[in-house]
Structures are given as structure tokens and as C-alpha cells.
């Protein structure tokens, strides 16, 4: 495996972790009343988990069945999660 592929994977993971941390912080602050929260945000938070994980699992499975390298399989799994988390961060920061 190419060392640059690992570096790219690490950058993707770092971005996902940072966005996830921001979303969790914003949601906790909204639940505590520290910042205004949209109506139904708690339900949305729970309802979006299963579909996002199913998309990640499907993407990883497809990449694995295509014979991709482990870094590409992990990257494929993170892509739908990263899109969802990034969209949540942008929406919650408005």
C-alpha cells in the first residue's frame, strides 16, 4: 500500500472526527439551552444514524467485493458518513 494513501486516509479520518466533534458539541449545547435548537433536532439526531450507517456498510461492501485495497474500502465507508456529518455541521452552525 502506498504511504500517501495512508496519509490521505488519515486526513479523511481527521476531518470526519473534527466535524463529528463540532456536531456533537452543537447538539449538546442545543439540548442544554445554551444555543437555540431547531424543533425536532433530537429526533432527527437519532433517526439519521441507521440510514447513514447502512450507506457506509453498503459502500464498504461494494468496495471490498470489487477487490479494492483496505485504505480504499475504509475511505468508501467514510464517504457517506463524512457527507452527512459535514451537512449537519453546516446546518447546525447557521
PDB file of N, CA and C in Angstrom:
ATOM      1  N   UNK A   1       0.851  -1.184   0.000  1.00  0.00           N
ATOM      2  CA  UNK A   1       0.000   0.000   0.000  1.00  0.00           C
ATOM      3  C   UNK A   1       0.890   1.238   0.000  1.00  0.00           C
ATOM      4  N   UNK A   2       0.489   2.198  -0.736  1.00  0.00           N
ATOM      5  CA  UNK A   2       1.201   3.449  -0.896  1.00  0.00           C
ATOM      6  C   UNK A   2       1.150   4.271   0.408  1.00  0.00           C
ATOM      7  N   UNK A   3       2.283   4.807   0.891  1.00  0.00           N
ATOM      8  CA  UNK A   3       2.256   5.608   2.114  1.00  0.00           C
ATOM      9  C   UNK A   3       1.401   6.869   1.975  1.00  0.00           C
ATOM     10  N   UNK A   4       1.319   7.390   0.757  1.00  0.00           N
ATOM     11  CA  UNK A   4       0.492   8.578   0.551  1.00  0.00           C
ATOM     12  C   UNK A   4      -0.995   8.246   0.670  1.00  0.00           C
ATOM     13  N   UNK A   5      -1.357   7.023   0.353  1.00  0.00           N
ATOM     14  CA  UNK A   5      -2.743   6.586   0.529  1.00  0.00           C
ATOM     15  C   UNK A   5      -3.097   6.579   2.011  1.00  0.00           C
ATOM     16  N   UNK A   6      -2.157   6.142   2.834  1.00  0.00           N
ATOM     17  CA  UNK A   6      -2.397   6.157   4.285  1.00  0.00           C
ATOM     18  C   UNK A   6      -2.501   7.581   4.814  1.00  0.00           C
ATOM     19  N   UNK A   7      -1.676   8.462   4.283  1.00  0.00           N
ATOM     20  CA  UNK A   7      -1.735   9.865   4.695  1.00  0.00           C
ATOM     21  C   UNK A   7      -3.076  10.480   4.298  1.00  0.00           C
ATOM     22  N   UNK A   8      -3.546  10.154   3.098  1.00  0.00           N
ATOM     23  CA  UNK A   8      -4.845  10.639   2.641  1.00  0.00           C
ATOM     24  C   UNK A   8      -5.973  10.098   3.522  1.00  0.00           C
ATOM     25  N   UNK A   9      -5.880   8.820   3.868  1.00  0.00           N
ATOM     26  CA  UNK A   9      -6.879   8.206   4.736  1.00  0.00           C
ATOM     27  C   UNK A   9      -6.894   8.873   6.109  1.00  0.00           C
ATOM     28  N   UNK A  10      -5.712   9.176   6.623  1.00  0.00           N
ATOM     29  CA  UNK A  10      -5.617   9.855   7.913  1.00  0.00           C
ATOM     30  C   UNK A  10      -6.242  11.249   7.844  1.00  0.00           C
ATOM     31  N   UNK A  11      -6.031  11.952   6.755  1.00  0.00           N
ATOM     32  CA  UNK A  11      -6.625  13.285   6.593  1.00  0.00           C
ATOM     33  C   UNK A  11      -8.145  13.199   6.542  1.00  0.00           C
ATOM     34  N   UNK A  12      -8.672  12.189   5.827  1.00  0.00           N
ATOM     35  CA  UNK A  12     -10.124  11.999   5.765  1.00  0.00           C
ATOM     36  C   UNK A  12     -10.689  11.689   7.151  1.00  0.00           C
ATOM     37  N   UNK A  13     -10.000  10.824   7.878  1.00  0.00           N
ATOM     38  CA  UNK A  13     -10.453  10.443   9.217  1.00  0.00           C
ATOM     39  C   UNK A  13     -10.419  11.644  10.162  1.00  0.00           C
ATOM     40  N   UNK A  14      -9.368  12.440  10.078  1.00  0.00           N
ATOM     41  CA  UNK A  14      -9.253  13.627  10.923  1.00  0.00           C
ATOM     42  C   UNK A  14     -10.383  14.606  10.639  1.00  0.00           C
ATOM     43  N   UNK A  15     -10.686  14.812   9.377  1.00  0.00           N
ATOM     44  CA  UNK A  15     -11.782  15.703   9.004  1.00  0.00           C
ATOM     45  C   UNK A  15     -13.112  15.192   9.552  1.00  0.00           C
ATOM     46  N   UNK A  16     -13.346  13.886   9.427  1.00  0.00           N
ATOM     47  CA  UNK A  16     -14.585  13.293   9.948  1.00  0.00           C
ATOM     48  C   UNK A  16     -14.671  13.451  11.454  1.00  0.00           C
ATOM     49  N   UNK A  17     -13.578  13.212  12.154  1.00  0.00           N
ATOM     50  CA  UNK A  17     -13.565  13.321  13.615  1.00  0.00           C
ATOM     51  C   UNK A  17     -13.826  14.761  14.053  1.00  0.00           C
ATOM     52  N   UNK A  18     -13.199  15.723  13.384  1.00  0.00           N
ATOM     53  CA  UNK A  18     -13.387  17.124  13.768  1.00  0.00           C
ATOM     54  C   UNK A  18     -14.822  17.587  13.507  1.00  0.00           C
ATOM     55  N   UNK A  19     -15.378  17.197  12.362  1.00  0.00           N
ATOM     56  CA  UNK A  19     -16.765  17.561  12.070  1.00  0.00           C
ATOM     57  C   UNK A  19     -17.724  16.892  13.057  1.00  0.00           C
ATOM     58  N   UNK A  20     -17.450  15.638  13.397  1.00  0.00           N
ATOM     59  CA  UNK A  20     -18.293  14.923  14.358  1.00  0.00           C
ATOM     60  C   UNK A  20     -18.265  15.606  15.715  1.00  0.00           C
ATOM     61  N   UNK A  21     -17.081  16.014  16.135  1.00  0.00           N
ATOM     62  CA  UNK A  21     -16.952  16.703  17.419  1.00  0.00           C
ATOM     63  C   UNK A  21     -17.754  18.009  17.414  1.00  0.00           C
ATOM     64  N   UNK A  22     -17.681  18.747  16.325  1.00  0.00           N
ATOM     65  CA  UNK A  22     -18.429  20.004  16.227  1.00  0.00           C
ATOM     66  C   UNK A  22     -19.931  19.754  16.286  1.00  0.00           C
ATOM     67  N   UNK A  23     -20.410  18.734  15.570  1.00  0.00           N
ATOM     68  CA  UNK A  23     -21.842  18.419  15.565  1.00  0.00           C
ATOM     69  C   UNK A  23     -22.302  18.000  16.957  1.00  0.00           C
ATOM     70  N   UNK A  24     -21.525  17.152  17.615  1.00  0.00           N
ATOM     71  CA  UNK A  24     -21.901  16.705  18.968  1.00  0.00           C
ATOM     72  C   UNK A  24     -21.945  17.882  19.934  1.00  0.00           C
ATOM     73  N   UNK A  25     -20.963  18.766  19.840  1.00  0.00           N
ATOM     74  CA  UNK A  25     -20.931  19.931  20.717  1.00  0.00           C
ATOM     75  C   UNK A  25     -22.133  20.832  20.476  1.00  0.00           C
ATOM     76  N   UNK A  26     -22.438  21.103  19.204  1.00  0.00           N
ATOM     77  CA  UNK A  26     -23.572  21.967  18.887  1.00  0.00           C
ATOM     78  C   UNK A  26     -24.891  21.352  19.347  1.00  0.00           C
ATOM     79  N   UNK A  27     -25.037  20.055  19.171  1.00  0.00           N
ATOM     80  CA  UNK A  27     -26.282  19.403  19.593  1.00  0.00           C
ATOM     81  C   UNK A  27     -26.415  19.393  21.108  1.00  0.00           C
ATOM     82  N   UNK A  28     -25.329  19.136  21.820  1.00  0.00           N
ATOM     83  CA  UNK A  28     -25.390  19.163  23.284  1.00  0.00           C
ATOM     84  C   UNK A  28     -25.702  20.566  23.795  1.00  0.00           C
ATOM     85  N   UNK A  29     -25.120  21.562  23.157  1.00  0.00           N
ATOM     86  CA  UNK A  29     -25.407  22.937  23.553  1.00  0.00           C
ATOM     87  C   UNK A  29     -26.864  23.280  23.271  1.00  0.00           C
ATOM     88  N   UNK A  30     -27.398  22.778  22.177  1.00  0.00           N
ATOM     89  CA  UNK A  30     -28.808  22.998  21.860  1.00  0.00           C
ATOM     90  C   UNK A  30     -29.722  22.310  22.854  1.00  0.00           C
ATOM     91  N   UNK A  31     -29.369  21.079  23.244  1.00  0.00           N
ATOM     92  CA  UNK A  31     -30.183  20.347  24.220  1.00  0.00           C
ATOM     93  C   UNK A  31     -30.170  21.011  25.586  1.00  0.00           C
ATOM     94  N   UNK A  32     -29.046  21.628  25.931  1.00  0.00           N
ATOM     95  CA  UNK A  32     -28.935  22.253  27.251  1.00  0.00           C
ATOM     96  C   UNK A  32     -29.540  23.651  27.278  1.00  0.00           C
ATOM     97  N   UNK A  33     -29.874  24.185  26.110  1.00  0.00           N
ATOM     98  CA  UNK A  33     -30.465  25.515  26.051  1.00  0.00           C
ATOM     99  C   UNK A  33     -29.437  26.625  25.931  1.00  0.00           C
ATOM    100  N   UNK A  34     -28.169  26.267  25.777  1.00  0.00           N
ATOM    101  CA  UNK A  34     -27.123  27.277  25.651  1.00  0.00           C
ATOM    102  C   UNK A  34     -27.211  28.021  24.324  1.00  0.00           C
ATOM    103  N   UNK A  35     -27.697  27.331  23.291  1.00  0.00           N
ATOM    104  CA  UNK A  35     -27.928  27.959  21.984  1.00  0.00           C
ATOM    105  C   UNK A  35     -29.309  27.525  21.510  1.00  0.00           C
ATOM    106  N   UNK A  36     -29.934  28.299  20.634  1.00  0.00           N
ATOM    107  CA  UNK A  36     -31.244  27.883  20.130  1.00  0.00           C
ATOM    108  C   UNK A  36     -31.128  26.607  19.287  1.00  0.00           C
ATOM    109  N   UNK A  37     -32.073  25.715  19.459  1.00  0.00           N
ATOM    110  CA  UNK A  37     -32.092  24.466  18.692  1.00  0.00           C
ATOM    111  C   UNK A  37     -33.391  24.385  17.899  1.00  0.00           C
ATOM    112  N   UNK A  38     -33.290  23.825  16.714  1.00  0.00           N
ATOM    113  CA  UNK A  38     -34.491  23.653  15.889  1.00  0.00           C
ATOM    114  C   UNK A  38     -35.392  22.593  16.491  1.00  0.00           C
ATOM    115  N   UNK A  39     -36.654  22.762  16.247  1.00  0.00           N
ATOM    116  CA  UNK A  39     -37.646  21.794  16.714  1.00  0.00           C
ATOM    117  C   UNK A  39     -37.416  20.452  16.027  1.00  0.00           C
ATOM    118  N   UNK A  40     -37.428  19.380  16.772  1.00  0.00           N
ATOM    119  CA  UNK A  40     -37.258  18.051  16.220  1.00  0.00           C
ATOM    120  C   UNK A  40     -35.813  17.630  16.020  1.00  0.00           C
ATOM    121  N   UNK A  41     -34.873  18.438  16.481  1.00  0.00           N
ATOM    122  CA  UNK A  41     -33.456  18.120  16.285  1.00  0.00           C
ATOM    123  C   UNK A  41     -33.066  16.825  17.002  1.00  0.00           C
ATOM    124  N   UNK A  42     -33.593  16.586  18.183  1.00  0.00           N
ATOM    125  CA  UNK A  42     -33.260  15.356  18.912  1.00  0.00           C
ATOM    126  C   UNK A  42     -33.755  14.121  18.170  1.00  0.00           C
ATOM    127  N   UNK A  43     -34.962  14.188  17.618  1.00  0.00           N
ATOM    128  CA  UNK A  43     -35.483  13.060  16.839  1.00  0.00           C
ATOM    129  C   UNK A  43     -34.666  12.851  15.571  1.00  0.00           C
ATOM    130  N   UNK A  44     -34.301  13.939  14.929  1.00  0.00           N
ATOM    131  CA  UNK A  44     -33.506  13.848  13.705  1.00  0.00           C
ATOM    132  C   UNK A  44     -32.147  13.205  14.000  1.00  0.00           C
ATOM    133  N   UNK A  45     -31.572  13.575  15.133  1.00  0.00           N
ATOM    134  CA  UNK A  45     -30.268  13.054  15.533  1.00  0.00           C
ATOM    135  C   UNK A  45     -30.293  11.531  15.622  1.00  0.00           C
ATOM    136  N   UNK A  46     -31.371  10.985  16.162  1.00  0.00           N
ATOM    137  CA  UNK A  46     -31.481   9.530  16.319  1.00  0.00           C
ATOM    138  C   UNK A  46     -31.884   8.870  15.005  1.00  0.00           C
ATOM    139  N   UNK A  47     -32.801   9.474  14.290  1.00  0.00           N
ATOM    140  CA  UNK A  47     -33.344   8.868  13.072  1.00  0.00           C
ATOM    141  C   UNK A  47     -32.327   8.766  11.940  1.00  0.00           C
ATOM    142  N   UNK A  48     -31.344   9.639  11.904  1.00  0.00           N
ATOM    143  CA  UNK A  48     -30.410   9.631  10.780  1.00  0.00           C
ATOM    144  C   UNK A  48     -29.269   8.623  10.949  1.00  0.00           C
ATOM    145  N   UNK A  49     -29.118   8.058  12.132  1.00  0.00           N
ATOM    146  CA  UNK A  49     -27.986   7.148  12.394  1.00  0.00           C
ATOM    147  C   UNK A  49     -28.045   5.866  11.559  1.00  0.00           C
ATOM    148  N   UNK A  50     -29.145   5.147  11.607  1.00  0.00           N
ATOM    149  CA  UNK A  50     -29.248   3.853  10.913  1.00  0.00           C
ATOM    150  C   UNK A  50     -29.076   3.989   9.400  1.00  0.00           C
ATOM    151  N   UNK A  51     -29.760   4.922   8.744  1.00  0.00           N
ATOM    152  CA  UNK A  51     -29.559   5.047   7.288  1.00  0.00           C
ATOM    153  C   UNK A  51     -28.117   5.419   6.918  1.00  0.00           C
ATOM    154  N   UNK A  52     -27.491   6.271   7.714  1.00  0.00           N
ATOM    155  CA  UNK A  52     -26.109   6.661   7.415  1.00  0.00           C
ATOM    156  C   UNK A  52     -25.166   5.464   7.553  1.00  0.00           C
ATOM    157  N   UNK A  53     -25.352   4.673   8.592  1.00  0.00           N
ATOM    158  CA  UNK A  53     -24.502   3.506   8.786  1.00  0.00           C
ATOM    159  C   UNK A  53     -24.768   2.448   7.715  1.00  0.00           C
ATOM    160  N   UNK A  54     -26.014   2.312   7.280  1.00  0.00           N
ATOM    161  CA  UNK A  54     -26.333   1.357   6.213  1.00  0.00           C
ATOM    162  C   UNK A  54     -25.646   1.757   4.907  1.00  0.00           C
ATOM    163  N   UNK A  55     -25.626   3.058   4.610  1.00  0.00           N
ATOM    164  CA  UNK A  55     -24.947   3.535   3.405  1.00  0.00           C
ATOM    165  C   UNK A  55     -23.438   3.291   3.498  1.00  0.00           C
ATOM    166  N   UNK A  56     -22.881   3.508   4.690  1.00  0.00           N
ATOM    167  CA  UNK A  56     -21.441   3.274   4.885  1.00  0.00           C
ATOM    168  C   UNK A  56     -21.120   1.795   4.716  1.00  0.00           C
ATOM    169  N   UNK A  57     -21.942   0.935   5.287  1.00  0.00           N
ATOM    170  CA  UNK A  57     -21.741  -0.510   5.174  1.00  0.00           C
ATOM    171  C   UNK A  57     -21.843  -0.963   3.719  1.00  0.00           C
ATOM    172  N   UNK A  58     -22.834  -0.447   3.006  1.00  0.00           N
ATOM    173  CA  UNK A  58     -23.017  -0.813   1.603  1.00  0.00           C
ATOM    174  C   UNK A  58     -21.828  -0.354   0.752  1.00  0.00           C
ATOM    175  N   UNK A  59     -21.348   0.859   1.011  1.00  0.00           N
ATOM    176  CA  UNK A  59     -20.212   1.374   0.245  1.00  0.00           C
ATOM    177  C   UNK A  59     -18.953   0.553   0.519  1.00  0.00           C
ATOM    178  N   UNK A  60     -18.732   0.195   1.774  1.00  0.00           N
ATOM    179  CA  UNK A  60     -17.562  -0.613   2.127  1.00  0.00           C
ATOM    180  C   UNK A  60     -17.670  -2.009   1.513  1.00  0.00           C
ATOM    181  N   UNK A  61     -18.851  -2.586   1.571  1.00  0.00           N
ATOM    182  CA  UNK A  61     -19.051  -3.915   0.996  1.00  0.00           C
ATOM    183  C   UNK A  61     -18.817  -3.909  -0.509  1.00  0.00           C
ATOM    184  N   UNK A  62     -19.324  -2.898  -1.175  1.00  0.00           N
ATOM    185  CA  UNK A  62     -19.144  -2.775  -2.628  1.00  0.00           C
ATOM    186  C   UNK A  62     -17.668  -2.637  -2.966  1.00  0.00           C
ATOM    187  N   UNK A  63     -16.945  -1.820  -2.201  1.00  0.00           N
ATOM    188  CA  UNK A  63     -15.518  -1.628  -2.450  1.00  0.00           C
ATOM    189  C   UNK A  63     -14.736  -2.916  -2.184  1.00  0.00           C
ATOM    190  N   UNK A  64     -15.111  -3.638  -1.140  1.00  0.00           N
ATOM    191  CA  UNK A  64     -14.432  -4.894  -0.812  1.00  0.00           C
ATOM    192  C   UNK A  64     -14.691  -5.945  -1.878  1.00  0.00           C
ATOM    193  N   UNK A  65     -15.922  -6.041  -2.332  1.00  0.00           N
ATOM    194  CA  UNK A  65     -16.267  -7.025  -3.353  1.00  0.00           C
ATOM    195  C   UNK A  65     -15.597  -6.713  -4.695  1.00  0.00           C
ATOM    196  N   UNK A  66     -15.271  -5.443  -4.903  1.00  0.00           N
ATOM    197  CA  UNK A  66     -14.577  -5.052  -6.132  1.00  0.00           C
ATOM    198  C   UNK A  66     -13.077  -5.328  -6.037  1.00  0.00           C
ATOM    199  N   UNK A  67     -12.630  -5.779  -4.864  1.00  0.00           N
ATOM    200  CA  UNK A  67     -11.227  -6.118  -4.694  1.00  0.00           C
ATOM    201  C   UNK A  67     -10.316  -4.947  -4.394  1.00  0.00           C
ATOM    202  N   UNK A  68     -10.861  -3.891  -3.860  1.00  0.00           N
ATOM    203  CA  UNK A  68     -10.054  -2.717  -3.535  1.00  0.00           C
ATOM    204  C   UNK A  68      -9.153  -2.966  -2.330  1.00  0.00           C
ATOM    205  N   UNK A  69      -8.175  -2.113  -2.183  1.00  0.00           N
ATOM    206  CA  UNK A  69      -7.248  -2.194  -1.057  1.00  0.00           C
ATOM    207  C   UNK A  69      -7.950  -1.733   0.218  1.00  0.00           C
ATOM    208  N   UNK A  70      -7.414  -2.110   1.386  1.00  0.00           N
ATOM    209  CA  UNK A  70      -8.068  -1.723   2.646  1.00  0.00           C
ATOM    210  C   UNK A  70      -8.277  -0.221   2.807  1.00  0.00           C
ATOM    211  N   UNK A  71      -7.315   0.589   2.370  1.00  0.00           N
ATOM    212  CA  UNK A  71      -7.487   2.037   2.503  1.00  0.00           C
ATOM    213  C   UNK A  71      -8.655   2.542   1.667  1.00  0.00           C
ATOM    214  N   UNK A  72      -8.862   1.961   0.499  1.00  0.00           N
ATOM    215  CA  UNK A  72      -9.993   2.380  -0.349  1.00  0.00           C
ATOM    216  C   UNK A  72     -11.323   1.887   0.220  1.00  0.00           C
ATOM    217  N   UNK A  73     -11.306   0.742   0.859  1.00  0.00           N
ATOM    218  CA  UNK A  73     -12.532   0.224   1.488  1.00  0.00           C
ATOM    219  C   UNK A  73     -12.938   1.128   2.648  1.00  0.00           C
ATOM    220  N   UNK A  74     -11.974   1.486   3.473  1.00  0.00           N
ATOM    221  CA  UNK A  74     -12.263   2.366   4.617  1.00  0.00           C
ATOM    222  C   UNK A  74     -12.703   3.739   4.122  1.00  0.00           C
ATOM    223  N   UNK A  75     -12.032   4.234   3.105  1.00  0.00           N
ATOM    224  CA  UNK A  75     -12.398   5.530   2.535  1.00  0.00           C
ATOM    225  C   UNK A  75     -13.818   5.502   1.980  1.00  0.00           C
ATOM    226  N   UNK A  76     -14.180   4.413   1.325  1.00  0.00           N
ATOM    227  CA  UNK A  76     -15.541   4.279   0.793  1.00  0.00           C
ATOM    228  C   UNK A  76     -16.569   4.261   1.911  1.00  0.00           C
ATOM    229  N   UNK A  77     -16.224   3.616   3.023  1.00  0.00           N
ATOM    230  CA  UNK A  77     -17.150   3.573   4.159  1.00  0.00           C
ATOM    231  C   UNK A  77     -17.303   4.948   4.800  1.00  0.00           C
ATOM    232  N   UNK A  78     -16.219   5.707   4.846  1.00  0.00           N
ATOM    233  CA  UNK A  78     -16.271   7.024   5.491  1.00  0.00           C
ATOM    234  C   UNK A  78     -16.966   8.082   4.635  1.00  0.00           C
ATOM    235  N   UNK A  79     -17.000   7.900   3.329  1.00  0.00           N
ATOM    236  CA  UNK A  79     -17.549   8.929   2.442  1.00  0.00           C
ATOM    237  C   UNK A  79     -18.996   9.296   2.758  1.00  0.00           C
ATOM    238  N   UNK A  80     -19.935   8.333   2.864  1.00  0.00           N
ATOM    239  CA  UNK A  80     -21.307   8.751   3.182  1.00  0.00           C
ATOM    240  C   UNK A  80     -21.432   9.342   4.584  1.00  0.00           C
ATOM    241  N   UNK A  81     -20.642   8.834   5.522  1.00  0.00           N
ATOM    242  CA  UNK A  81     -20.680   9.388   6.879  1.00  0.00           C
ATOM    243  C   UNK A  81     -20.149  10.813   6.888  1.00  0.00           C
ATOM    244  N   UNK A  82     -19.066  11.034   6.170  1.00  0.00           N
ATOM    245  CA  UNK A  82     -18.483  12.377   6.105  1.00  0.00           C
ATOM    246  C   UNK A  82     -19.438  13.374   5.486  1.00  0.00           C
ATOM    247  N   UNK A  83     -20.124  12.963   4.418  1.00  0.00           N
ATOM    248  CA  UNK A  83     -21.103  13.868   3.783  1.00  0.00           C
ATOM    249  C   UNK A  83     -22.210  14.243   4.758  1.00  0.00           C
ATOM    250  N   UNK A  84     -22.724  13.256   5.486  1.00  0.00           N
ATOM    251  CA  UNK A  84     -23.830  13.503   6.420  1.00  0.00           C
ATOM    252  C   UNK A  84     -23.383  14.396   7.572  1.00  0.00           C
ATOM    253  N   UNK A  85     -22.225  14.089   8.127  1.00  0.00           N
ATOM    254  CA  UNK A  85     -21.723  14.874   9.270  1.00  0.00           C
ATOM    255  C   UNK A  85     -21.408  16.306   8.832  1.00  0.00           C
ATOM    256  N   UNK A  86     -20.798  16.458   7.652  1.00  0.00           N
ATOM    257  CA  UNK A  86     -20.483  17.798   7.155  1.00  0.00           C
ATOM    258  C   UNK A  86     -21.757  18.605   6.925  1.00  0.00           C
ATOM    259  N   UNK A  87     -22.780  17.972   6.368  1.00  0.00           N
ATOM    260  CA  UNK A  87     -24.059  18.660   6.154  1.00  0.00           C
ATOM    261  C   UNK A  87     -24.689  19.056   7.478  1.00  0.00           C
ATOM    262  N   UNK A  88     -24.616  18.182   8.473  1.00  0.00           N
ATOM    263  CA  UNK A  88     -25.150  18.504   9.797  1.00  0.00           C
ATOM    264  C   UNK A  88     -24.403  19.680  10.418  1.00  0.00           C
ATOM    265  N   UNK A  89     -23.074  19.682  10.303  1.00  0.00           N
ATOM    266  CA  UNK A  89     -22.289  20.773  10.876  1.00  0.00           C
ATOM    267  C   UNK A  89     -22.673  22.095  10.237  1.00  0.00           C
ATOM    268  N   UNK A  90     -22.777  22.107   8.917  1.00  0.00           N
ATOM    269  CA  UNK A  90     -23.142  23.356   8.223  1.00  0.00           C
ATOM    270  C   UNK A  90     -24.531  23.817   8.632  1.00  0.00           C
ATOM    271  N   UNK A  91     -25.464  22.874   8.730  1.00  0.00           N
ATOM    272  CA  UNK A  91     -26.854  23.226   9.093  1.00  0.00           C
ATOM    273  C   UNK A  91     -26.920  23.746  10.527  1.00  0.00           C
ATOM    274  N   UNK A  92     -26.222  23.092  11.441  1.00  0.00           N
ATOM    275  CA  UNK A  92     -26.290  23.479  12.847  1.00  0.00           C
ATOM    276  C   UNK A  92     -25.548  24.788  13.146  1.00  0.00           C
ATOM    277  N   UNK A  93     -24.600  25.148  12.304  1.00  0.00           N
ATOM    278  CA  UNK A  93     -23.823  26.380  12.541  1.00  0.00           C
ATOM    279  C   UNK A  93     -24.511  27.617  12.002  1.00  0.00           C
ATOM    280  N   UNK A  94     -25.641  27.442  11.325  1.00  0.00           N
ATOM    281  CA  UNK A  94     -26.372  28.615  10.788  1.00  0.00           C
ATOM    282  C   UNK A  94     -26.966  29.424  11.906  1.00  0.00           C
TER     283      UNK A  94
END
